[in-house]
Full PDB file with SEQRES, HELIX, SHEET, SSBOND, CRYST1, ORIGX, SCALE, CONECT and MASTER records, all heavy atoms in Angstrom:
SEQRES   1 A   38  LYS LEU ASP LEU VAL THR GLY ASP GLY TYR TYR TYR SER          
SEQRES   2 A   38  PHE LYS GLY ILE PRO TYR ALA LEU PRO PRO ASN GLY THR          
SEQRES   3 A   38  TRP ARG PHE LYS ALA PRO GLN PRO PRO LEU SER TRP              
HELIX    1 AA1 GLY A   25  TRP A   27  5                                   3    
CRYST1    1.000    1.000    1.000  90.00  90.00  90.00 P 1           1          
ORIGX1      1.000000  0.000000  0.000000        0.00000                         
ORIGX2      0.000000  1.000000  0.000000        0.00000                         
ORIGX3      0.000000  0.000000  1.000000        0.00000                         
SCALE1      1.000000  0.000000  0.000000        0.00000                         
SCALE2      0.000000  1.000000  0.000000        0.00000                         
SCALE3      0.000000  0.000000  1.000000        0.00000                         
ATOM      1  N   LYS A   1     -10.690  18.861   3.511  1.00  0.00           N  
ATOM      2  CA  LYS A   1     -10.648  20.305   3.294  1.00  0.00           C  
ATOM      3  C   LYS A   1      -9.882  20.927   4.453  1.00  0.00           C  
ATOM      4  O   LYS A   1     -10.255  20.747   5.624  1.00  0.00           O  
ATOM      5  CB  LYS A   1     -12.076  20.857   3.238  1.00  0.00           C  
ATOM      6  CG  LYS A   1     -12.190  22.335   2.894  1.00  0.00           C  
ATOM      7  CD  LYS A   1     -13.664  22.706   2.820  1.00  0.00           C  
ATOM      8  CE  LYS A   1     -13.859  24.182   2.515  1.00  0.00           C  
ATOM      9  NZ  LYS A   1     -15.312  24.530   2.453  1.00  0.00           N  
ATOM     10  N   LEU A   2      -8.771  21.617   4.140  1.00  0.00           N  
ATOM     11  CA  LEU A   2      -7.875  22.128   5.178  1.00  0.00           C  
ATOM     12  C   LEU A   2      -7.741  23.644   5.075  1.00  0.00           C  
ATOM     13  O   LEU A   2      -7.793  24.212   3.976  1.00  0.00           O  
ATOM     14  CB  LEU A   2      -6.494  21.485   5.043  1.00  0.00           C  
ATOM     15  CG  LEU A   2      -6.442  19.957   5.157  1.00  0.00           C  
ATOM     16  CD1 LEU A   2      -5.037  19.462   4.851  1.00  0.00           C  
ATOM     17  CD2 LEU A   2      -6.906  19.494   6.535  1.00  0.00           C  
ATOM     18  N   ASP A   3      -7.536  24.288   6.208  1.00  0.00           N  
ATOM     19  CA  ASP A   3      -7.310  25.734   6.232  1.00  0.00           C  
ATOM     20  C   ASP A   3      -5.892  26.048   5.785  1.00  0.00           C  
ATOM     21  O   ASP A   3      -4.942  25.335   6.132  1.00  0.00           O  
ATOM     22  CB  ASP A   3      -7.528  26.290   7.642  1.00  0.00           C  
ATOM     23  CG  ASP A   3      -8.985  26.233   8.078  1.00  0.00           C  
ATOM     24  OD1 ASP A   3      -9.870  26.336   7.208  1.00  0.00           O  
ATOM     25  OD2 ASP A   3      -9.234  26.063   9.293  1.00  0.00           O  
ATOM     26  N   LEU A   4      -5.748  27.123   5.041  1.00  0.00           N  
ATOM     27  CA  LEU A   4      -4.419  27.620   4.688  1.00  0.00           C  
ATOM     28  C   LEU A   4      -3.709  28.121   5.932  1.00  0.00           C  
ATOM     29  O   LEU A   4      -4.338  28.720   6.819  1.00  0.00           O  
ATOM     30  CB  LEU A   4      -4.520  28.754   3.672  1.00  0.00           C  
ATOM     31  CG  LEU A   4      -4.976  28.393   2.259  1.00  0.00           C  
ATOM     32  CD1 LEU A   4      -5.295  29.662   1.471  1.00  0.00           C  
ATOM     33  CD2 LEU A   4      -3.905  27.590   1.538  1.00  0.00           C  
ATOM     34  N   VAL A   5      -2.411  27.928   5.998  1.00  0.00           N  
ATOM     35  CA  VAL A   5      -1.638  28.413   7.139  1.00  0.00           C  
ATOM     36  C   VAL A   5      -1.671  29.938   7.207  1.00  0.00           C  
ATOM     37  O   VAL A   5      -1.481  30.531   8.265  1.00  0.00           O  
ATOM     38  CB  VAL A   5      -0.181  27.894   7.050  1.00  0.00           C  
ATOM     39  CG1 VAL A   5       0.580  28.573   5.919  1.00  0.00           C  
ATOM     40  CG2 VAL A   5       0.555  28.093   8.373  1.00  0.00           C  
ATOM     41  N   THR A   6      -1.963  30.574   6.077  1.00  0.00           N  
ATOM     42  CA  THR A   6      -2.055  32.036   6.026  1.00  0.00           C  
ATOM     43  C   THR A   6      -3.363  32.545   6.625  1.00  0.00           C  
ATOM     44  O   THR A   6      -3.514  33.751   6.839  1.00  0.00           O  
ATOM     45  CB  THR A   6      -1.936  32.516   4.578  1.00  0.00           C  
ATOM     46  OG1 THR A   6      -2.837  31.743   3.760  1.00  0.00           O  
ATOM     47  CG2 THR A   6      -0.531  32.344   4.053  1.00  0.00           C  
ATOM     48  N   GLY A   7      -4.325  31.644   6.847  1.00  0.00           N  
ATOM     49  CA  GLY A   7      -5.577  32.032   7.479  1.00  0.00           C  
ATOM     50  C   GLY A   7      -6.557  32.736   6.568  1.00  0.00           C  
ATOM     51  O   GLY A   7      -7.588  33.244   7.034  1.00  0.00           O  
ATOM     52  N   ASP A   8      -6.282  32.772   5.272  1.00  0.00           N  
ATOM     53  CA  ASP A   8      -7.149  33.519   4.355  1.00  0.00           C  
ATOM     54  C   ASP A   8      -7.835  32.628   3.325  1.00  0.00           C  
ATOM     55  O   ASP A   8      -8.164  33.066   2.224  1.00  0.00           O  
ATOM     56  CB  ASP A   8      -6.356  34.623   3.645  1.00  0.00           C  
ATOM     57  CG  ASP A   8      -5.121  34.097   2.921  1.00  0.00           C  
ATOM     58  OD1 ASP A   8      -4.825  32.892   3.025  1.00  0.00           O  
ATOM     59  OD2 ASP A   8      -4.443  34.911   2.245  1.00  0.00           O  
ATOM     60  N   GLY A   9      -8.056  31.377   3.686  1.00  0.00           N  
ATOM     61  CA  GLY A   9      -8.739  30.487   2.753  1.00  0.00           C  
ATOM     62  C   GLY A   9      -8.527  29.033   3.130  1.00  0.00           C  
ATOM     63  O   GLY A   9      -8.093  28.704   4.244  1.00  0.00           O  
ATOM     64  N   TYR A  10      -8.808  28.147   2.198  1.00  0.00           N  
ATOM     65  CA  TYR A  10      -8.688  26.715   2.431  1.00  0.00           C  
ATOM     66  C   TYR A  10      -8.281  26.041   1.128  1.00  0.00           C  
ATOM     67  O   TYR A  10      -8.231  26.661   0.063  1.00  0.00           O  
ATOM     68  CB  TYR A  10     -10.018  26.142   2.944  1.00  0.00           C  
ATOM     69  CG  TYR A  10     -11.177  26.406   2.010  1.00  0.00           C  
ATOM     70  CD1 TYR A  10     -11.439  25.554   0.929  1.00  0.00           C  
ATOM     71  CD2 TYR A  10     -12.013  27.504   2.200  1.00  0.00           C  
ATOM     72  CE1 TYR A  10     -12.487  25.800   0.060  1.00  0.00           C  
ATOM     73  CE2 TYR A  10     -13.067  27.757   1.329  1.00  0.00           C  
ATOM     74  CZ  TYR A  10     -13.301  26.907   0.255  1.00  0.00           C  
ATOM     75  OH  TYR A  10     -14.323  27.156  -0.606  1.00  0.00           O  
ATOM     76  N   TYR A  11      -7.992  24.751   1.225  1.00  0.00           N  
ATOM     77  CA  TYR A  11      -7.685  23.978   0.030  1.00  0.00           C  
ATOM     78  C   TYR A  11      -8.105  22.535   0.264  1.00  0.00           C  
ATOM     79  O   TYR A  11      -8.399  22.116   1.390  1.00  0.00           O  
ATOM     80  CB  TYR A  11      -6.189  24.056  -0.313  1.00  0.00           C  
ATOM     81  CG  TYR A  11      -5.258  23.455   0.725  1.00  0.00           C  
ATOM     82  CD1 TYR A  11      -4.790  22.144   0.608  1.00  0.00           C  
ATOM     83  CD2 TYR A  11      -4.836  24.202   1.823  1.00  0.00           C  
ATOM     84  CE1 TYR A  11      -3.936  21.589   1.561  1.00  0.00           C  
ATOM     85  CE2 TYR A  11      -3.988  23.660   2.782  1.00  0.00           C  
ATOM     86  CZ  TYR A  11      -3.540  22.360   2.647  1.00  0.00           C  
ATOM     87  OH  TYR A  11      -2.707  21.819   3.585  1.00  0.00           O  
ATOM     88  N   TYR A  12      -8.131  21.768  -0.819  1.00  0.00           N  
ATOM     89  CA  TYR A  12      -8.504  20.363  -0.771  1.00  0.00           C  
ATOM     90  C   TYR A  12      -7.241  19.513  -0.888  1.00  0.00           C  
ATOM     91  O   TYR A  12      -6.420  19.734  -1.778  1.00  0.00           O  
ATOM     92  CB  TYR A  12      -9.496  20.029  -1.881  1.00  0.00           C  
ATOM     93  CG  TYR A  12     -10.783  20.813  -1.757  1.00  0.00           C  
ATOM     94  CD1 TYR A  12     -10.974  22.002  -2.460  1.00  0.00           C  
ATOM     95  CD2 TYR A  12     -11.798  20.370  -0.912  1.00  0.00           C  
ATOM     96  CE1 TYR A  12     -12.140  22.724  -2.327  1.00  0.00           C  
ATOM     97  CE2 TYR A  12     -12.985  21.092  -0.767  1.00  0.00           C  
ATOM     98  CZ  TYR A  12     -13.141  22.280  -1.479  1.00  0.00           C  
ATOM     99  OH  TYR A  12     -14.311  23.000  -1.336  1.00  0.00           O  
ATOM    100  N   SER A  13      -7.123  18.560   0.008  1.00  0.00           N  
ATOM    101  CA  SER A  13      -5.909  17.756   0.104  1.00  0.00           C  
ATOM    102  C   SER A  13      -6.224  16.286  -0.154  1.00  0.00           C  
ATOM    103  O   SER A  13      -7.141  15.724   0.455  1.00  0.00           O  
ATOM    104  CB  SER A  13      -5.293  17.917   1.499  1.00  0.00           C  
ATOM    105  OG  SER A  13      -4.283  16.966   1.726  1.00  0.00           O  
ATOM    106  N   PHE A  14      -5.447  15.679  -1.058  1.00  0.00           N  
ATOM    107  CA  PHE A  14      -5.559  14.247  -1.360  1.00  0.00           C  
ATOM    108  C   PHE A  14      -4.152  13.657  -1.349  1.00  0.00           C  
ATOM    109  O   PHE A  14      -3.346  13.943  -2.234  1.00  0.00           O  
ATOM    110  CB  PHE A  14      -6.224  14.031  -2.720  1.00  0.00           C  
ATOM    111  CG  PHE A  14      -7.635  14.537  -2.796  1.00  0.00           C  
ATOM    112  CD1 PHE A  14      -7.892  15.869  -3.076  1.00  0.00           C  
ATOM    113  CD2 PHE A  14      -8.698  13.676  -2.562  1.00  0.00           C  
ATOM    114  CE1 PHE A  14      -9.196  16.348  -3.141  1.00  0.00           C  
ATOM    115  CE2 PHE A  14     -10.010  14.145  -2.620  1.00  0.00           C  
ATOM    116  CZ  PHE A  14     -10.260  15.483  -2.911  1.00  0.00           C  
ATOM    117  N   LYS A  15      -3.861  12.862  -0.348  1.00  0.00           N  
ATOM    118  CA  LYS A  15      -2.511  12.339  -0.139  1.00  0.00           C  
ATOM    119  C   LYS A  15      -2.463  10.838  -0.405  1.00  0.00           C  
ATOM    120  O   LYS A  15      -3.467  10.138  -0.334  1.00  0.00           O  
ATOM    121  CB  LYS A  15      -2.055  12.607   1.297  1.00  0.00           C  
ATOM    122  CG  LYS A  15      -1.998  14.078   1.695  1.00  0.00           C  
ATOM    123  CD  LYS A  15      -1.753  14.212   3.184  1.00  0.00           C  
ATOM    124  CE  LYS A  15      -1.770  15.676   3.619  1.00  0.00           C  
ATOM    125  NZ  LYS A  15      -1.750  15.812   5.094  1.00  0.00           N  
ATOM    126  N   GLY A  16      -1.245  10.351  -0.671  1.00  0.00           N  
ATOM    127  CA  GLY A  16      -1.024   8.917  -0.738  1.00  0.00           C  
ATOM    128  C   GLY A  16      -1.754   8.219  -1.871  1.00  0.00           C  
ATOM    129  O   GLY A  16      -2.255   7.112  -1.691  1.00  0.00           O  
ATOM    130  N   ILE A  17      -1.800   8.848  -3.047  1.00  0.00           N  
ATOM    131  CA  ILE A  17      -2.475   8.247  -4.200  1.00  0.00           C  
ATOM    132  C   ILE A  17      -1.472   7.389  -4.967  1.00  0.00           C  
ATOM    133  O   ILE A  17      -0.447   7.901  -5.436  1.00  0.00           O  
ATOM    134  CB  ILE A  17      -3.040   9.335  -5.129  1.00  0.00           C  
ATOM    135  CG1 ILE A  17      -3.916  10.318  -4.348  1.00  0.00           C  
ATOM    136  CG2 ILE A  17      -3.809   8.706  -6.281  1.00  0.00           C  
ATOM    137  CD1 ILE A  17      -4.321  11.551  -5.136  1.00  0.00           C  
ATOM    138  N   PRO A  18      -1.719   6.092  -5.131  1.00  0.00           N  
ATOM    139  CA  PRO A  18      -0.765   5.253  -5.870  1.00  0.00           C  
ATOM    140  C   PRO A  18      -0.819   5.558  -7.365  1.00  0.00           C  
ATOM    141  O   PRO A  18      -1.896   5.599  -7.956  1.00  0.00           O  
ATOM    142  CB  PRO A  18      -1.257   3.827  -5.574  1.00  0.00           C  
ATOM    143  CG  PRO A  18      -2.710   3.978  -5.256  1.00  0.00           C  
ATOM    144  CD  PRO A  18      -2.871   5.321  -4.606  1.00  0.00           C  
ATOM    145  N   TYR A  19       0.348   5.793  -7.965  1.00  0.00           N  
ATOM    146  CA  TYR A  19       0.388   6.051  -9.401  1.00  0.00           C  
ATOM    147  C   TYR A  19       1.069   4.919 -10.169  1.00  0.00           C  
ATOM    148  O   TYR A  19       1.165   4.963 -11.401  1.00  0.00           O  
ATOM    149  CB  TYR A  19       1.088   7.381  -9.695  1.00  0.00           C  
ATOM    150  CG  TYR A  19       2.565   7.443  -9.363  1.00  0.00           C  
ATOM    151  CD1 TYR A  19       3.516   6.970 -10.252  1.00  0.00           C  
ATOM    152  CD2 TYR A  19       3.006   8.002  -8.162  1.00  0.00           C  
ATOM    153  CE1 TYR A  19       4.870   7.030  -9.957  1.00  0.00           C  
ATOM    154  CE2 TYR A  19       4.350   8.066  -7.851  1.00  0.00           C  
ATOM    155  CZ  TYR A  19       5.283   7.580  -8.756  1.00  0.00           C  
ATOM    156  OH  TYR A  19       6.632   7.643  -8.459  1.00  0.00           O  
ATOM    157  N   ALA A  20       1.516   3.881  -9.466  1.00  0.00           N  
ATOM    158  CA  ALA A  20       2.157   2.731 -10.109  1.00  0.00           C  
ATOM    159  C   ALA A  20       2.082   1.542  -9.158  1.00  0.00           C  
ATOM    160  O   ALA A  20       1.824   1.706  -7.958  1.00  0.00           O  
ATOM    161  CB  ALA A  20       3.613   3.034 -10.460  1.00  0.00           C  
ATOM    162  N   LEU A  21       2.311   0.354  -9.696  1.00  0.00           N  
ATOM    163  CA  LEU A  21       2.382  -0.836  -8.855  1.00  0.00           C  
ATOM    164  C   LEU A  21       3.585  -0.761  -7.917  1.00  0.00           C  
ATOM    165  O   LEU A  21       4.587  -0.109  -8.242  1.00  0.00           O  
ATOM    166  CB  LEU A  21       2.524  -2.083  -9.719  1.00  0.00           C  
ATOM    167  CG  LEU A  21       1.301  -2.577 -10.488  1.00  0.00           C  
ATOM    168  CD1 LEU A  21       1.691  -3.800 -11.318  1.00  0.00           C  
ATOM    169  CD2 LEU A  21       0.162  -2.914  -9.534  1.00  0.00           C  
ATOM    170  N   PRO A  22       3.541  -1.426  -6.784  1.00  0.00           N  
ATOM    171  CA  PRO A  22       4.731  -1.495  -5.924  1.00  0.00           C  
ATOM    172  C   PRO A  22       5.909  -2.090  -6.697  1.00  0.00           C  
ATOM    173  O   PRO A  22       5.800  -3.194  -7.240  1.00  0.00           O  
ATOM    174  CB  PRO A  22       4.297  -2.416  -4.784  1.00  0.00           C  
ATOM    175  CG  PRO A  22       2.807  -2.301  -4.744  1.00  0.00           C  
ATOM    176  CD  PRO A  22       2.381  -2.116  -6.167  1.00  0.00           C  
ATOM    177  N   PRO A  23       7.049  -1.396  -6.769  1.00  0.00           N  
ATOM    178  CA  PRO A  23       8.189  -1.879  -7.563  1.00  0.00           C  
ATOM    179  C   PRO A  23       9.103  -2.803  -6.757  1.00  0.00           C  
ATOM    180  O   PRO A  23      10.319  -2.575  -6.658  1.00  0.00           O  
ATOM    181  CB  PRO A  23       8.889  -0.588  -7.952  1.00  0.00           C  
ATOM    182  CG  PRO A  23       8.647   0.314  -6.777  1.00  0.00           C  
ATOM    183  CD  PRO A  23       7.279  -0.039  -6.244  1.00  0.00           C  
ATOM    184  N   ASN A  24       8.523  -3.833  -6.170  1.00  0.00           N  
ATOM    185  CA  ASN A  24       9.327  -4.760  -5.376  1.00  0.00           C  
ATOM    186  C   ASN A  24       9.361  -6.128  -6.038  1.00  0.00           C  
ATOM    187  O   ASN A  24       8.788  -6.331  -7.107  1.00  0.00           O  
ATOM    188  CB  ASN A  24       8.784  -4.847  -3.942  1.00  0.00           C  
ATOM    189  CG  ASN A  24       7.279  -5.077  -3.920  1.00  0.00           C  
ATOM    190  OD1 ASN A  24       6.696  -5.547  -4.897  1.00  0.00           O  
ATOM    191  ND2 ASN A  24       6.642  -4.735  -2.805  1.00  0.00           N  
ATOM    192  N   GLY A  25      10.054  -7.068  -5.399  1.00  0.00           N  
ATOM    193  CA  GLY A  25      10.165  -8.405  -5.968  1.00  0.00           C  
ATOM    194  C   GLY A  25      10.821  -8.371  -7.340  1.00  0.00           C  
ATOM    195  O   GLY A  25      11.873  -7.755  -7.529  1.00  0.00           O  
ATOM    196  N   THR A  26      10.173  -9.011  -8.310  1.00  0.00           N  
ATOM    197  CA  THR A  26      10.751  -9.053  -9.661  1.00  0.00           C  
ATOM    198  C   THR A  26      10.635  -7.725 -10.392  1.00  0.00           C  
ATOM    199  O   THR A  26      11.206  -7.567 -11.476  1.00  0.00           O  
ATOM    200  CB  THR A  26      10.071 -10.157 -10.501  1.00  0.00           C  
ATOM    201  OG1 THR A  26       8.661  -9.913 -10.546  1.00  0.00           O  
ATOM    202  CG2 THR A  26      10.346 -11.533  -9.911  1.00  0.00           C  
ATOM    203  N   TRP A  27       9.901  -6.767  -9.824  1.00  0.00           N  
ATOM    204  CA  TRP A  27       9.826  -5.427 -10.428  1.00  0.00           C  
ATOM    205  C   TRP A  27      10.911  -4.497  -9.895  1.00  0.00           C  
ATOM    206  O   TRP A  27      11.028  -3.356 -10.363  1.00  0.00           O  
ATOM    207  CB  TRP A  27       8.442  -4.814 -10.189  1.00  0.00           C  
ATOM    208  CG  TRP A  27       7.359  -5.460 -10.989  1.00  0.00           C  
ATOM    209  CD1 TRP A  27       6.296  -6.181 -10.529  1.00  0.00           C  
ATOM    210  CD2 TRP A  27       7.239  -5.476 -12.414  1.00  0.00           C  
ATOM    211  NE1 TRP A  27       5.530  -6.635 -11.566  1.00  0.00           N  
ATOM    212  CE2 TRP A  27       6.073  -6.213 -12.741  1.00  0.00           C  
ATOM    213  CE3 TRP A  27       8.007  -4.928 -13.457  1.00  0.00           C  
ATOM    214  CZ2 TRP A  27       5.663  -6.422 -14.053  1.00  0.00           C  
ATOM    215  CZ3 TRP A  27       7.593  -5.138 -14.765  1.00  0.00           C  
ATOM    216  CH2 TRP A  27       6.432  -5.879 -15.053  1.00  0.00           C  
ATOM    217  N   ARG A  28      11.696  -4.944  -8.923  1.00  0.00           N  
ATOM    218  CA  ARG A  28      12.770  -4.097  -8.388  1.00  0.00           C  
ATOM    219  C   ARG A  28      13.745  -3.724  -9.513  1.00  0.00           C  
ATOM    220  O   ARG A  28      14.135  -4.568 -10.306  1.00  0.00           O  
ATOM    221  CB  ARG A  28      13.507  -4.825  -7.272  1.00  0.00           C  
ATOM    222  CG  ARG A  28      14.615  -3.991  -6.628  1.00  0.00           C  
ATOM    223  CD  ARG A  28      15.396  -4.792  -5.602  1.00  0.00           C  
ATOM    224  NE  ARG A  28      14.733  -4.862  -4.311  1.00  0.00           N  
ATOM    225  CZ  ARG A  28      15.237  -5.478  -3.249  1.00  0.00           C  
ATOM    226  NH1 ARG A  28      16.404  -6.119  -3.335  1.00  0.00           N  
ATOM    227  NH2 ARG A  28      14.568  -5.499  -2.107  1.00  0.00           N  
ATOM    228  N   PHE A  29      14.133  -2.462  -9.567  1.00  0.00           N  
ATOM    229  CA  PHE A  29      15.065  -1.867 -10.549  1.00  0.00           C  
ATOM    230  C   PHE A  29      14.431  -1.656 -11.925  1.00  0.00           C  
ATOM    231  O   PHE A  29      15.068  -1.092 -12.815  1.00  0.00           O  
ATOM    232  CB  PHE A  29      16.333  -2.722 -10.743  1.00  0.00           C  
ATOM    233  CG  PHE A  29      17.062  -3.071  -9.489  1.00  0.00           C  
ATOM    234  CD1 PHE A  29      17.316  -4.395  -9.165  1.00  0.00           C  
ATOM    235  CD2 PHE A  29      17.499  -2.080  -8.621  1.00  0.00           C  
ATOM    236  CE1 PHE A  29      18.003  -4.728  -8.004  1.00  0.00           C  
ATOM    237  CE2 PHE A  29      18.187  -2.402  -7.456  1.00  0.00           C  
ATOM    238  CZ  PHE A  29      18.428  -3.727  -7.147  1.00  0.00           C  
ATOM    239  N   LYS A  30      13.210  -2.113 -12.140  1.00  0.00           N  
ATOM    240  CA  LYS A  30      12.612  -2.043 -13.473  1.00  0.00           C  
ATOM    241  C   LYS A  30      11.655  -0.865 -13.593  1.00  0.00           C  
ATOM    242  O   LYS A  30      11.285  -0.233 -12.609  1.00  0.00           O  
ATOM    243  CB  LYS A  30      11.899  -3.354 -13.787  1.00  0.00           C  
ATOM    244  CG  LYS A  30      12.848  -4.547 -13.854  1.00  0.00           C  
ATOM    245  CD  LYS A  30      12.118  -5.823 -14.237  1.00  0.00           C  
ATOM    246  CE  LYS A  30      13.079  -7.002 -14.294  1.00  0.00           C  
ATOM    247  NZ  LYS A  30      12.380  -8.266 -14.683  1.00  0.00           N  
ATOM    248  N   ALA A  31      11.242  -0.587 -14.823  1.00  0.00           N  
ATOM    249  CA  ALA A  31      10.328   0.529 -15.073  1.00  0.00           C  
ATOM    250  C   ALA A  31       9.013   0.312 -14.331  1.00  0.00           C  
ATOM    251  O   ALA A  31       8.559  -0.823 -14.162  1.00  0.00           O  
ATOM    252  CB  ALA A  31      10.071   0.669 -16.574  1.00  0.00           C  
ATOM    253  N   PRO A  32       8.386   1.389 -13.861  1.00  0.00           N  
ATOM    254  CA  PRO A  32       7.125   1.254 -13.117  1.00  0.00           C  
ATOM    255  C   PRO A  32       5.995   0.745 -14.007  1.00  0.00           C  
ATOM    256  O   PRO A  32       5.973   1.004 -15.212  1.00  0.00           O  
ATOM    257  CB  PRO A  32       6.847   2.682 -12.648  1.00  0.00           C  
ATOM    258  CG  PRO A  32       7.534   3.552 -13.666  1.00  0.00           C  
ATOM    259  CD  PRO A  32       8.778   2.797 -14.045  1.00  0.00           C  
ATOM    260  N   GLN A  33       5.073   0.043 -13.377  1.00  0.00           N  
ATOM    261  CA  GLN A  33       3.907  -0.495 -14.076  1.00  0.00           C  
ATOM    262  C   GLN A  33       2.647   0.239 -13.621  1.00  0.00           C  
ATOM    263  O   GLN A  33       2.578   0.751 -12.508  1.00  0.00           O  
ATOM    264  CB  GLN A  33       3.777  -1.990 -13.785  1.00  0.00           C  
ATOM    265  CG  GLN A  33       4.970  -2.810 -14.239  1.00  0.00           C  
ATOM    266  CD  GLN A  33       5.232  -2.686 -15.729  1.00  0.00           C  
ATOM    267  OE1 GLN A  33       4.352  -2.973 -16.536  1.00  0.00           O  
ATOM    268  NE2 GLN A  33       6.435  -2.256 -16.089  1.00  0.00           N  
ATOM    269  N   PRO A  34       1.630   0.312 -14.476  1.00  0.00           N  
ATOM    270  CA  PRO A  34       0.403   1.063 -14.137  1.00  0.00           C  
ATOM    271  C   PRO A  34      -0.226   0.563 -12.843  1.00  0.00           C  
ATOM    272  O   PRO A  34      -0.155  -0.631 -12.504  1.00  0.00           O  
ATOM    273  CB  PRO A  34      -0.507   0.802 -15.339  1.00  0.00           C  
ATOM    274  CG  PRO A  34       0.430   0.468 -16.456  1.00  0.00           C  
ATOM    275  CD  PRO A  34       1.581  -0.260 -15.824  1.00  0.00           C  
ATOM    276  N   PRO A  35      -0.885   1.459 -12.107  1.00  0.00           N  
ATOM    277  CA  PRO A  35      -1.487   1.073 -10.829  1.00  0.00           C  
ATOM    278  C   PRO A  35      -2.768   0.274 -11.030  1.00  0.00           C  
ATOM    279  O   PRO A  35      -3.398   0.319 -12.090  1.00  0.00           O  
ATOM    280  CB  PRO A  35      -1.800   2.426 -10.180  1.00  0.00           C  
ATOM    281  CG  PRO A  35      -2.073   3.328 -11.356  1.00  0.00           C  
ATOM    282  CD  PRO A  35      -1.106   2.879 -12.428  1.00  0.00           C  
ATOM    283  N   LEU A  36      -3.158  -0.453  -9.993  1.00  0.00           N  
ATOM    284  CA  LEU A  36      -4.411  -1.208 -10.017  1.00  0.00           C  
ATOM    285  C   LEU A  36      -5.565  -0.325  -9.540  1.00  0.00           C  
ATOM    286  O   LEU A  36      -5.365   0.631  -8.793  1.00  0.00           O  
ATOM    287  CB  LEU A  36      -4.301  -2.436  -9.112  1.00  0.00           C  
ATOM    288  CG  LEU A  36      -3.258  -3.490  -9.490  1.00  0.00           C  
ATOM    289  CD1 LEU A  36      -3.225  -4.581  -8.428  1.00  0.00           C  
ATOM    290  CD2 LEU A  36      -3.530  -4.070 -10.863  1.00  0.00           C  
ATOM    291  N   SER A  37      -6.751  -0.662  -9.967  1.00  0.00           N  
ATOM    292  CA  SER A  37      -7.948   0.014  -9.473  1.00  0.00           C  
ATOM    293  C   SER A  37      -8.323  -0.557  -8.109  1.00  0.00           C  
ATOM    294  O   SER A  37      -7.801  -1.587  -7.672  1.00  0.00           O  
ATOM    295  CB  SER A  37      -9.094  -0.174 -10.464  1.00  0.00           C  
ATOM    296  OG  SER A  37      -8.779   0.407 -11.713  1.00  0.00           O  
ATOM    297  N   TRP A  38      -9.245   0.117  -7.428  1.00  0.00           N  
ATOM    298  CA  TRP A  38      -9.738  -0.384  -6.152  1.00  0.00           C  
ATOM    299  C   TRP A  38     -11.262  -0.250  -6.125  1.00  0.00           C  
ATOM    300  O   TRP A  38     -11.856   0.488  -6.920  1.00  0.00           O  
ATOM    301  CB  TRP A  38      -9.105   0.377  -4.984  1.00  0.00           C  
ATOM    302  CG  TRP A  38      -9.320   1.866  -5.040  1.00  0.00           C  
ATOM    303  CD1 TRP A  38     -10.450   2.552  -4.670  1.00  0.00           C  
ATOM    304  CD2 TRP A  38      -8.398   2.852  -5.525  1.00  0.00           C  
ATOM    305  NE1 TRP A  38     -10.280   3.903  -4.878  1.00  0.00           N  
ATOM    306  CE2 TRP A  38      -9.028   4.111  -5.407  1.00  0.00           C  
ATOM    307  CE3 TRP A  38      -7.104   2.796  -6.034  1.00  0.00           C  
ATOM    308  CZ2 TRP A  38      -8.404   5.305  -5.781  1.00  0.00           C  
ATOM    309  CZ3 TRP A  38      -6.488   3.969  -6.409  1.00  0.00           C  
ATOM    310  CH2 TRP A  38      -7.122   5.211  -6.280  1.00  0.00           C  
TER     311      TRP A  38                                                      
MASTER        0    0    0    1    0    0    0    6  310    1    0    3          
END                                                                             
C-alpha cells in the first residue's frame, strides 16, 4: 500500500506478475505460453 505522490490518498501496488512462461530457449521468437502456478 503506497501513498499517492499528490499526497491525497493511497493505492495498492502489485509488480512483477508473470503472465506467460519465459520465452527463451526453444520458445524464443514463438507465441507466449500460459504462466505456471506457484
